[in-house]
Protein backbone atom coordinates (compact mmCIF):
# COMPACT_ATOMS: atom_id res chain seq x y z
CA UNK A 1 12.27 -143.92 50.30
CA UNK A 2 9.01 -142.99 51.85
CA UNK A 3 10.33 -139.48 52.63
CA UNK A 4 11.38 -138.98 48.97
CA UNK A 5 7.97 -140.12 47.81
CA UNK A 6 6.24 -137.63 50.03
CA UNK A 7 8.53 -134.80 48.78
CA UNK A 8 7.81 -135.62 45.13
CA UNK A 9 4.11 -135.75 45.80
CA UNK A 10 4.18 -132.31 47.43
CA UNK A 11 6.19 -130.90 44.57
CA UNK A 12 3.77 -132.39 42.03
CA UNK A 13 0.86 -130.87 43.91
CA UNK A 14 2.47 -127.38 43.79
CA UNK A 15 3.17 -127.72 40.07
CA UNK A 16 -0.41 -128.76 39.37
CA UNK A 17 -1.75 -125.90 41.44
CA UNK A 18 0.53 -123.45 39.61
CA UNK A 19 -0.66 -124.76 36.26
CA UNK A 20 -4.27 -124.28 37.29
CA UNK A 21 -3.56 -120.72 38.41
CA UNK A 22 -1.71 -119.97 35.15
CA UNK A 23 -4.59 -121.28 33.08
CA UNK A 24 -7.05 -119.25 35.14
CA UNK A 25 -4.98 -116.08 34.64
CA UNK A 26 -4.77 -116.68 30.90
CA UNK A 27 -8.51 -117.18 30.69
CA UNK A 28 -9.07 -114.05 32.77
CA UNK A 29 -6.86 -111.95 30.49
CA UNK A 30 -8.59 -113.32 27.39
CA UNK A 31 -11.97 -112.61 28.91
CA UNK A 32 -10.94 -109.08 29.83
CA UNK A 33 -9.79 -108.40 26.27
CA UNK A 34 -13.00 -109.78 24.81
CA UNK A 35 -15.26 -107.93 27.25
CA UNK A 36 -15.95 -104.23 26.57
CA UNK A 37 -13.98 -101.83 28.71
CA UNK A 38 -15.98 -99.29 30.72
CA UNK A 39 -16.35 -96.05 28.76
CA UNK A 40 -15.17 -92.84 30.40
CA UNK A 41 -16.20 -89.56 28.82
CA UNK A 42 -15.54 -86.06 30.00
CA UNK A 43 -17.79 -83.32 28.65
CA UNK A 44 -15.79 -80.19 27.78
CA UNK A 45 -16.28 -77.44 30.29
CA UNK A 46 -18.26 -74.61 28.74
CA UNK A 47 -20.24 -71.65 29.90
CA UNK A 48 -22.58 -69.32 28.04
CA UNK A 49 -22.24 -65.62 28.67
CA UNK A 50 -23.93 -62.57 27.26
CA UNK A 51 -21.48 -59.74 26.49
CA UNK A 52 -21.84 -56.51 28.38
CA UNK A 53 -23.14 -54.09 25.74
CA UNK A 54 -21.40 -50.85 24.92
CA UNK A 55 -22.97 -47.59 23.81
CA UNK A 56 -24.70 -47.90 20.44
CA UNK A 57 -23.59 -45.44 17.74
CA UNK A 58 -25.45 -44.75 14.51
CA UNK A 59 -23.89 -42.54 11.82
CA UNK A 60 -26.15 -40.49 9.54
CA UNK A 61 -24.72 -39.15 6.26
CA UNK A 62 -26.49 -35.78 6.22
CA UNK A 63 -26.10 -34.14 2.83
CA UNK A 64 -26.44 -35.85 -0.55
CA UNK A 65 -23.39 -34.74 -2.51
CA UNK A 66 -22.94 -34.13 -6.22
CA UNK A 67 -19.93 -33.32 -8.40
CA UNK A 68 -19.38 -31.05 -11.39
CA UNK A 69 -21.58 -28.07 -10.56
CA UNK A 70 -18.63 -25.70 -10.80
CA UNK A 71 -16.95 -25.90 -14.22
CA UNK A 72 -13.78 -24.36 -12.80
CA UNK A 73 -13.53 -26.97 -10.02
CA UNK A 74 -14.54 -30.36 -11.38
CA UNK A 75 -13.68 -32.11 -8.13
CA UNK A 76 -15.70 -29.76 -5.92
CA UNK A 77 -18.40 -31.59 -3.97
CA UNK A 78 -21.61 -29.68 -3.34
CA UNK A 79 -24.59 -30.55 -1.16
CA UNK A 80 -27.58 -31.09 -3.45
CA UNK A 81 -29.87 -31.45 -0.43
CA UNK A 82 -29.84 -32.37 3.23
CA UNK A 83 -31.55 -35.71 3.63
CA UNK A 84 -34.66 -35.99 5.77
CA UNK A 85 -33.86 -37.75 9.03
CA UNK A 86 -36.27 -39.95 10.94
CA UNK A 87 -35.32 -41.15 14.44
CA UNK A 88 -37.53 -43.61 16.33
CA UNK A 89 -37.52 -45.59 19.56
CA UNK A 90 -36.08 -44.63 22.92
CA UNK A 91 -35.06 -41.12 21.94
CA UNK A 92 -34.85 -40.06 25.60
CA UNK A 93 -31.93 -42.44 26.03
CA UNK A 94 -30.07 -41.09 23.01
CA UNK A 95 -28.22 -37.93 22.06
CA UNK A 96 -26.94 -36.62 18.75
CA UNK A 97 -23.62 -34.93 18.04
CA UNK A 98 -22.78 -33.10 14.80
CA UNK A 99 -19.99 -34.30 12.51
CA UNK A 100 -18.02 -31.89 10.35
CA UNK A 101 -18.02 -32.20 6.55
CA UNK A 102 -15.39 -29.63 5.52
CA UNK A 103 -14.86 -30.82 1.93
CA UNK A 104 -18.46 -30.35 0.71
CA UNK A 105 -19.88 -26.93 -0.04
CA UNK A 106 -23.08 -26.32 1.93
CA UNK A 107 -23.02 -29.70 3.66
CA UNK A 108 -25.11 -30.11 6.80
CA UNK A 109 -26.93 -32.71 8.85
CA UNK A 110 -24.07 -35.18 9.24
CA UNK A 111 -24.28 -36.55 12.76
CA UNK A 112 -23.92 -39.49 15.07
CA UNK A 113 -26.68 -40.70 17.36
CA UNK A 114 -25.46 -42.30 20.59
CA UNK A 115 -27.54 -44.60 22.79
CA UNK A 116 -25.86 -44.85 26.19
CA UNK A 117 -25.93 -48.13 28.13
CA UNK A 118 -28.08 -48.01 31.25
CA UNK A 119 -28.48 -50.94 33.64
CA UNK A 120 -26.60 -53.16 31.15
CA UNK A 121 -29.13 -52.33 28.43
CA UNK A 122 -28.78 -50.31 25.24
CA UNK A 123 -31.72 -48.10 24.27
CA UNK A 124 -33.72 -49.57 21.39
CA UNK A 125 -33.71 -47.01 18.60
CA UNK A 126 -33.34 -46.68 14.83
CA UNK A 127 -32.94 -43.96 12.22
CA UNK A 128 -33.26 -43.57 8.45
CA UNK A 129 -32.45 -40.90 5.88
CA UNK A 130 -34.25 -40.19 2.62
CA UNK A 131 -34.04 -37.63 -0.17
CA UNK A 132 -35.94 -36.76 -3.35
CA UNK A 133 -34.07 -34.80 -6.03
CA UNK A 134 -35.33 -33.37 -9.31
CA UNK A 135 -32.32 -31.38 -10.52
CA UNK A 136 -30.91 -31.39 -14.04
CA UNK A 137 -27.82 -33.30 -12.91
CA UNK A 138 -29.39 -35.40 -10.14
CA UNK A 139 -32.90 -36.81 -10.11
CA UNK A 140 -34.48 -39.67 -8.18
CA UNK A 141 -35.22 -41.02 -4.72
CA UNK A 142 -32.79 -42.51 -2.22
CA UNK A 143 -33.21 -43.87 1.30
CA UNK A 144 -31.10 -45.85 3.75
CA UNK A 145 -30.79 -46.44 7.48
CA UNK A 146 -28.19 -44.76 9.65
CA UNK A 147 -25.56 -47.41 10.43
CA UNK A 148 -22.89 -48.33 12.94
CA UNK A 149 -19.25 -47.63 12.01
CA UNK A 150 -16.96 -50.61 11.35
CA UNK A 151 -13.32 -51.46 10.71
CA UNK A 152 -14.01 -53.34 7.46
CA UNK A 153 -16.71 -53.20 4.78
CA UNK A 154 -17.24 -53.72 1.05
CA UNK A 155 -18.81 -51.29 -1.42
CA UNK A 156 -20.04 -53.42 -4.33
CA UNK A 157 -22.23 -51.20 -6.51
CA UNK A 158 -19.87 -48.53 -7.78
CA UNK A 159 -19.87 -47.08 -11.29
CA UNK A 160 -17.23 -44.98 -13.08
CA UNK A 161 -18.73 -45.10 -16.58
CA UNK A 162 -19.58 -41.95 -18.55
CA UNK A 163 -22.47 -40.19 -16.86
CA UNK A 164 -21.94 -41.85 -13.48
CA UNK A 165 -20.87 -39.76 -10.53
CA UNK A 166 -20.21 -41.86 -7.41
CA UNK A 167 -18.79 -40.59 -4.13
CA UNK A 168 -17.43 -42.75 -1.30
CA UNK A 169 -18.37 -41.23 2.05
CA UNK A 170 -16.05 -41.97 4.98
CA UNK A 171 -17.43 -40.81 8.33
CA UNK A 172 -15.37 -41.05 11.50
CA UNK A 173 -17.51 -40.54 14.62
CA UNK A 174 -14.64 -41.46 16.95
CA UNK A 175 -12.38 -39.35 19.10
CA UNK A 176 -9.15 -40.28 17.27
CA UNK A 177 -8.00 -40.12 13.65
CA UNK A 178 -8.83 -43.03 11.33
CA UNK A 179 -6.48 -44.22 8.59
CA UNK A 180 -8.63 -45.74 5.85
CA UNK A 181 -7.33 -47.99 3.08
CA UNK A 182 -9.36 -48.26 -0.13
CA UNK A 183 -8.49 -51.45 -2.03
CA UNK A 184 -10.16 -51.47 -5.45
CA UNK A 185 -10.94 -54.70 -7.34
CA UNK A 186 -11.73 -54.30 -11.02
CA UNK A 187 -10.15 -54.48 -14.46
CA UNK A 188 -7.02 -53.49 -12.62
CA UNK A 189 -6.19 -53.41 -8.91
CA UNK A 190 -5.44 -50.14 -7.18
CA UNK A 191 -5.14 -48.89 -3.64
CA UNK A 192 -5.15 -45.57 -1.84
CA UNK A 193 -5.17 -44.27 1.72
CA UNK A 194 -7.33 -41.54 3.24
CA UNK A 195 -6.78 -40.00 6.67
CA UNK A 196 -10.10 -39.05 8.27
CA UNK A 197 -9.82 -36.80 11.33
CA UNK A 198 -11.92 -37.46 14.41
CA UNK A 199 -15.51 -36.26 14.15
CA UNK A 200 -15.23 -35.69 10.39
CA UNK A 201 -16.79 -36.90 7.15
CA UNK A 202 -14.77 -36.88 3.94
CA UNK A 203 -15.87 -37.71 0.40
CA UNK A 204 -13.75 -39.52 -2.18
CA UNK A 205 -14.89 -39.49 -5.82
CA UNK A 206 -14.91 -43.14 -6.91
CA UNK A 207 -13.40 -42.22 -10.28
CA UNK A 208 -10.32 -40.88 -8.50
CA UNK A 209 -9.46 -44.31 -7.07
CA UNK A 210 -11.10 -46.72 -9.56
CA UNK A 211 -10.55 -45.11 -12.96
CA UNK A 212 -10.67 -47.63 -15.79
CA UNK A 213 -12.57 -50.30 -13.86
CA UNK A 214 -15.96 -51.05 -15.41
CA UNK A 215 -17.26 -52.97 -12.38
CA UNK A 216 -15.35 -51.69 -9.35
CA UNK A 217 -15.69 -53.26 -5.92
CA UNK A 218 -14.00 -51.43 -3.04
CA UNK A 219 -12.79 -52.98 0.21
CA UNK A 220 -12.70 -50.33 2.93
CA UNK A 221 -10.51 -51.10 5.94
CA UNK A 222 -9.80 -48.71 8.78
CA UNK A 223 -7.30 -48.52 11.61
CA UNK A 224 -7.22 -46.15 14.55
CA UNK A 225 -11.00 -45.75 14.60
CA UNK A 226 -14.03 -47.36 13.00
CA UNK A 227 -15.70 -45.48 10.15
CA UNK A 228 -18.99 -45.72 8.34
CA UNK A 229 -18.40 -46.25 4.62
CA UNK A 230 -21.22 -45.64 2.15
CA UNK A 231 -21.61 -44.83 -1.52
CA UNK A 232 -23.69 -42.02 -3.00
CA UNK A 233 -24.47 -42.48 -6.70
CA UNK A 234 -25.79 -40.14 -9.39
CA UNK A 235 -26.47 -41.34 -12.93
CA UNK A 236 -26.97 -39.28 -16.11
CA UNK A 237 -27.69 -40.78 -19.53
CA UNK A 238 -27.82 -38.67 -22.72
CA UNK A 239 -27.96 -35.48 -20.65
CA UNK A 240 -30.96 -36.77 -18.63
CA UNK A 241 -30.64 -37.50 -14.93
CA UNK A 242 -31.92 -41.07 -14.50
CA UNK A 243 -31.36 -41.98 -10.89
CA UNK A 244 -29.65 -41.58 -7.54
CA UNK A 245 -28.80 -44.11 -4.85
CA UNK A 246 -27.43 -44.39 -1.33
CA UNK A 247 -25.66 -47.70 -0.74
CA UNK A 248 -24.22 -49.13 2.46
CA UNK A 249 -21.21 -51.35 2.91
CA UNK A 250 -21.33 -55.15 3.24
CA UNK A 251 -19.62 -56.53 6.33
CA UNK A 252 -17.78 -59.42 4.66
CA UNK A 253 -17.65 -62.21 2.08
CA UNK A 254 -19.83 -65.31 2.52
CA UNK A 255 -20.58 -68.49 0.58
CA UNK A 256 -24.37 -67.98 0.67
CA UNK A 257 -26.09 -64.71 -0.17
CA UNK A 258 -29.79 -63.80 -0.23
CA UNK A 259 -31.13 -60.62 -1.85
CA UNK A 260 -34.81 -60.00 -1.11
CA UNK A 261 -37.40 -58.08 -3.13
CA UNK A 262 -35.22 -57.15 -6.12
CA UNK A 263 -37.39 -55.32 -8.65
CA UNK A 264 -37.70 -56.31 -12.32
CA UNK A 265 -38.89 -53.52 -14.63
CA UNK A 266 -38.86 -54.34 -18.37
CA UNK A 267 -38.58 -51.18 -20.49
CA UNK A 268 -41.59 -52.16 -22.61
CA UNK A 269 -44.16 -54.94 -22.65
CA UNK A 270 -42.47 -58.09 -23.93
CA UNK A 271 -38.99 -56.66 -23.46
CA UNK A 272 -36.52 -59.32 -22.33
CA UNK A 273 -34.43 -56.92 -20.27
CA UNK A 274 -35.29 -56.47 -16.60
CA UNK A 275 -32.95 -53.77 -15.33
CA UNK A 276 -31.47 -56.28 -12.84
CA UNK A 277 -27.70 -56.73 -12.90
CA UNK A 278 -26.02 -58.96 -10.28
CA UNK A 279 -22.39 -58.13 -9.47
CA UNK A 280 -20.16 -60.61 -7.63
CA UNK A 281 -16.56 -60.83 -6.46
CA UNK A 282 -14.55 -63.70 -5.01
CA UNK A 283 -11.77 -61.76 -3.25
CA UNK A 284 -9.33 -64.58 -2.52
CA UNK A 285 -9.99 -67.76 -4.51
CA UNK A 286 -11.63 -68.84 -7.77
CA UNK A 287 -15.23 -69.81 -7.13
CA UNK A 288 -18.12 -71.58 -8.83
CA UNK A 289 -21.40 -69.83 -8.08
CA UNK A 290 -25.04 -70.44 -8.84
CA UNK A 291 -27.54 -67.58 -9.03
CA UNK A 292 -31.14 -68.73 -8.47
CA UNK A 293 -34.10 -66.41 -9.03
CA UNK A 294 -37.48 -66.87 -7.36
CA UNK A 295 -40.56 -64.70 -7.46
CA UNK A 296 -40.93 -62.96 -4.07
CA UNK A 297 -43.03 -65.19 -1.83
CA UNK A 298 -42.48 -68.30 -3.97
CA UNK A 299 -40.28 -71.34 -3.34
CA UNK A 300 -40.03 -72.23 -7.03
CA UNK A 301 -36.98 -71.07 -8.99
CA UNK A 302 -37.87 -69.32 -12.24
CA UNK A 303 -34.30 -69.12 -13.52
CA UNK A 304 -30.78 -70.20 -12.69
CA UNK A 305 -27.37 -68.91 -13.78
CA UNK A 306 -24.06 -70.77 -13.20
CA UNK A 307 -21.14 -68.33 -12.98
CA UNK A 308 -17.42 -69.05 -12.64
CA UNK A 309 -15.55 -66.32 -10.77
CA UNK A 310 -11.85 -65.60 -11.09
CA UNK A 311 -10.27 -64.54 -7.80
CA UNK A 312 -9.99 -60.77 -7.49
CA UNK A 313 -12.01 -60.00 -10.65
CA UNK A 314 -15.62 -58.77 -10.38
CA UNK A 315 -18.22 -60.28 -12.71
CA UNK A 316 -21.76 -59.26 -13.64
CA UNK A 317 -24.83 -61.19 -14.75
CA UNK A 318 -27.79 -59.43 -16.39
CA UNK A 319 -31.02 -61.21 -15.56
CA UNK A 320 -33.39 -61.59 -18.50
CA UNK A 321 -36.87 -62.82 -19.22
CA UNK A 322 -38.47 -61.86 -15.89
CA UNK A 323 -41.91 -60.30 -15.76
CA UNK A 324 -42.43 -57.04 -13.91
CA UNK A 325 -42.42 -57.68 -10.17
CA UNK A 326 -40.24 -58.44 -7.17
CA UNK A 327 -37.83 -61.38 -6.95
CA UNK A 328 -35.60 -63.07 -4.39
CA UNK A 329 -32.08 -63.87 -5.59
CA UNK A 330 -30.14 -66.66 -3.91
CA UNK A 331 -26.42 -66.99 -4.60
CA UNK A 332 -24.46 -70.06 -3.49
CA UNK A 333 -20.70 -70.28 -3.95
CA UNK A 334 -17.86 -72.69 -3.34
CA UNK A 335 -15.79 -69.82 -1.89
CA UNK A 336 -16.72 -66.67 0.05
CA UNK A 337 -17.94 -63.83 -2.17
CA UNK A 338 -19.50 -60.38 -1.94
CA UNK A 339 -22.51 -59.57 -4.10
CA UNK A 340 -25.21 -56.98 -4.83
CA UNK A 341 -27.82 -56.35 -7.51
CA UNK A 342 -28.73 -53.14 -9.30
CA UNK A 343 -32.44 -52.65 -9.93
CA UNK A 344 -34.35 -50.08 -11.96
CA UNK A 345 -37.74 -48.41 -11.64
CA UNK A 346 -39.47 -46.87 -14.67
CA UNK A 347 -42.54 -44.63 -15.01
CA UNK A 348 -43.08 -42.99 -18.39
CA UNK A 349 -39.86 -41.22 -19.29
CA UNK A 350 -38.70 -41.24 -15.65
CA UNK A 351 -36.19 -43.68 -14.25
CA UNK A 352 -34.49 -44.37 -10.94
CA UNK A 353 -31.92 -46.90 -9.69
CA UNK A 354 -31.07 -48.65 -6.45
CA UNK A 355 -28.66 -51.39 -5.39
CA UNK A 356 -30.00 -54.32 -3.36
CA UNK A 357 -27.66 -55.82 -0.76
CA UNK A 358 -27.65 -59.30 0.84
CA UNK A 359 -29.89 -59.71 3.89
CA UNK A 360 -28.09 -61.22 6.90
CA UNK A 361 -29.83 -63.64 9.23
CA UNK A 362 -31.61 -62.13 12.23
CA UNK A 363 -31.40 -64.30 15.32
CA UNK A 364 -34.44 -65.86 16.96
CA UNK A 365 -36.04 -64.17 19.95
CA UNK A 366 -34.04 -60.98 19.36
CA UNK A 367 -35.79 -57.67 18.76
CA UNK A 368 -34.75 -55.69 15.70
CA UNK A 369 -36.00 -52.13 15.38
CA UNK A 370 -36.26 -50.35 12.04
CA UNK A 371 -37.68 -47.13 10.62
CA UNK A 372 -39.53 -46.66 7.34
CA UNK A 373 -39.33 -43.11 5.93
CA UNK A 374 -41.84 -41.22 3.82
CA UNK A 375 -41.33 -40.78 0.09
CA UNK A 376 -42.70 -43.97 -1.51
CA UNK A 377 -44.85 -47.00 -0.61
CA UNK A 378 -42.82 -49.58 1.33
CA UNK A 379 -42.78 -53.38 1.56
CA UNK A 380 -41.18 -55.63 4.17
CA UNK A 381 -39.74 -58.81 2.63
CA UNK A 382 -39.28 -61.80 4.96
CA UNK A 383 -37.60 -65.18 4.46
CA UNK A 384 -37.55 -68.14 6.84
CA UNK A 385 -34.01 -69.49 7.22
CA UNK A 386 -35.21 -72.44 9.34
CA UNK A 387 -36.34 -75.96 8.39
CA UNK A 388 -39.47 -75.50 10.49
CA UNK A 389 -42.20 -72.86 10.63
CA UNK A 390 -41.36 -69.47 12.12
CA UNK A 391 -43.63 -66.81 13.58
CA UNK A 392 -42.66 -63.17 13.15
CA UNK A 393 -44.23 -60.61 15.46
CA UNK A 394 -44.28 -57.17 13.88
CA UNK A 395 -44.88 -54.33 16.32
CA UNK A 396 -45.08 -50.57 16.08
CA UNK A 397 -46.88 -48.56 13.43
CA UNK A 398 -48.76 -51.60 12.09
CA UNK A 399 -48.84 -54.52 14.53
CA UNK A 400 -49.38 -57.97 13.08
CA UNK A 401 -48.15 -61.56 13.20
CA UNK A 402 -46.70 -63.26 10.12
CA UNK A 403 -46.39 -67.04 9.72
CA UNK A 404 -43.57 -68.34 7.53
CA UNK A 405 -43.42 -71.91 6.25
CA UNK A 406 -40.09 -73.77 6.41
CA UNK A 407 -37.80 -72.03 3.94
CA UNK A 408 -40.69 -69.83 2.82
CA UNK A 409 -40.88 -66.11 2.15
CA UNK A 410 -43.52 -63.41 1.98
CA UNK A 411 -44.02 -59.69 1.38
CA UNK A 412 -45.85 -57.38 3.79
CA UNK A 413 -46.93 -53.83 2.97
CA UNK A 414 -45.86 -51.36 5.66
CA UNK A 415 -46.57 -47.67 6.19
CA UNK A 416 -44.04 -45.03 7.16
CA UNK A 417 -43.21 -45.32 10.84
CA UNK A 418 -41.28 -47.21 13.49
CA UNK A 419 -41.38 -51.00 13.78
CA UNK A 420 -40.00 -53.84 15.86
CA UNK A 421 -39.45 -57.33 14.49
CA UNK A 422 -39.39 -60.38 16.79
CA UNK A 423 -38.98 -63.79 15.07
CA UNK A 424 -39.31 -67.18 16.77
CA UNK A 425 -36.53 -68.49 14.50
CA UNK A 426 -33.83 -67.25 12.17
CA UNK A 427 -35.11 -65.00 9.38
CA UNK A 428 -33.82 -62.66 6.67
CA UNK A 429 -35.56 -59.34 6.11
CA UNK A 430 -35.36 -56.31 3.83
CA UNK A 431 -37.25 -53.11 3.06
CA UNK A 432 -38.14 -52.14 -0.50
CA UNK A 433 -39.65 -48.80 -1.51
CA UNK A 434 -41.25 -48.27 -4.91
CA UNK A 435 -42.93 -45.18 -6.29
CA UNK A 436 -46.60 -45.14 -7.27
CA UNK A 437 -48.88 -42.87 -9.30
CA UNK A 438 -46.36 -42.18 -12.04
CA UNK A 439 -43.30 -41.93 -9.79
CA UNK A 440 -40.13 -43.88 -10.65
CA UNK A 441 -38.76 -43.79 -7.08
CA UNK A 442 -36.99 -46.90 -5.80
CA UNK A 443 -34.86 -47.72 -2.76
CA UNK A 444 -34.03 -50.85 -0.77
CA UNK A 445 -31.90 -52.04 2.12
CA UNK A 446 -31.58 -55.18 4.27
CA UNK A 447 -32.45 -55.21 7.96
CA UNK A 448 -29.38 -55.59 10.14
CA UNK A 449 -29.44 -56.58 13.79
CA UNK A 450 -29.24 -53.46 15.92
CA UNK A 451 -26.35 -52.58 18.18
CA UNK A 452 -28.57 -53.40 21.18
CA UNK A 453 -28.83 -57.02 20.04
CA UNK A 454 -26.14 -58.86 21.99
CA UNK A 455 -26.00 -62.58 21.17
CA UNK A 456 -24.83 -65.08 23.83
CA UNK A 457 -21.27 -66.40 23.44
CA UNK A 458 -20.20 -69.94 24.38
CA UNK A 459 -16.86 -69.79 26.23
CA UNK A 460 -14.55 -72.84 26.33
CA UNK A 461 -11.45 -72.79 28.55
């Protein structure tokens, strides 16, 4: 009996001990659930590299072409003048090679300027072209920088109305043939293909590919080799030549566009018209856009235009009620768009036209070089794209430092010459040229980052 009692006591002790252990385990599990687990984070492996630059290539158009000077050959293109070329910067590190222009009578001056890489650096250089015409069928001033070729660009400011004579220039500086597709958006869609041999410039009358479109926008895409696409415009009204223009291509559609220093020129005092017409296109999807107008250098909007865009159909807005002067035009959109604005200069019975293109952002601490040609007084328009103050160091022909408030803009008078622009933050910039002393000359173009500007790239495996 005593032995049985001892066995039961031992068994009871084991059961009690097991119960205690079970309770302890349960409490431990509950406590572990309630307590926060240690956090383990792994930062993604990244590295920042700066691309090895390649040779920089700038393409210069050479001759300014016109149509219709031979009544027996309406499609014959003739050189009205060879544009004045200005090349600045490290010219010792560059070389120029001629480009053939076989389809234009008397054409000359078409060339590419190549800056060869040395010690992983591209020579810093820039070039511009300008021309002044006073012919019966072509009169006005035009100027534009020489630009890099690309595989895709948009020509927004074309005109095929009566009296307009626009020519698309396709320049292939490469060593192989380029096949170029011209996709026209307008009252009706159309497309055509042009084969541009290596080292050749060809002209395509806009009316031959965009007939019947009141507001044509052309998408230029190339395969085989990159080309520079630009648009030369001549305008005649009531037998009077009233302007010429040289317009570059836009690289692509974006939701936010900024056009700097667009000129308003009412025909008479008190006239509500300004000569400013904004053209927009949403290539792929319907879009709701807002066009805001500010006086250059001011943060206050003086007017605002809501515009609904139908995909694939260009639309225009004529700005009204603006006093004579320069204005910044901001366009925001729910979908990517391309845009540009036509502006007019008037002096007595003289008139000239120019299309203003959106100014892309220039990166901070990156040097941009640009050239200002002779022909008309010039202004540099600057806009701060940052939410904090930015300092812009302007070097070259007229060295100075410009302070920009957050989101602010300003206008700086510049002389003809070579300049470098070094901002401490992101900025937009453009050049505007406007005639003085009774001249109706006008020209404008945005500043693009040069080919030597290689931005760092973040690489993620």
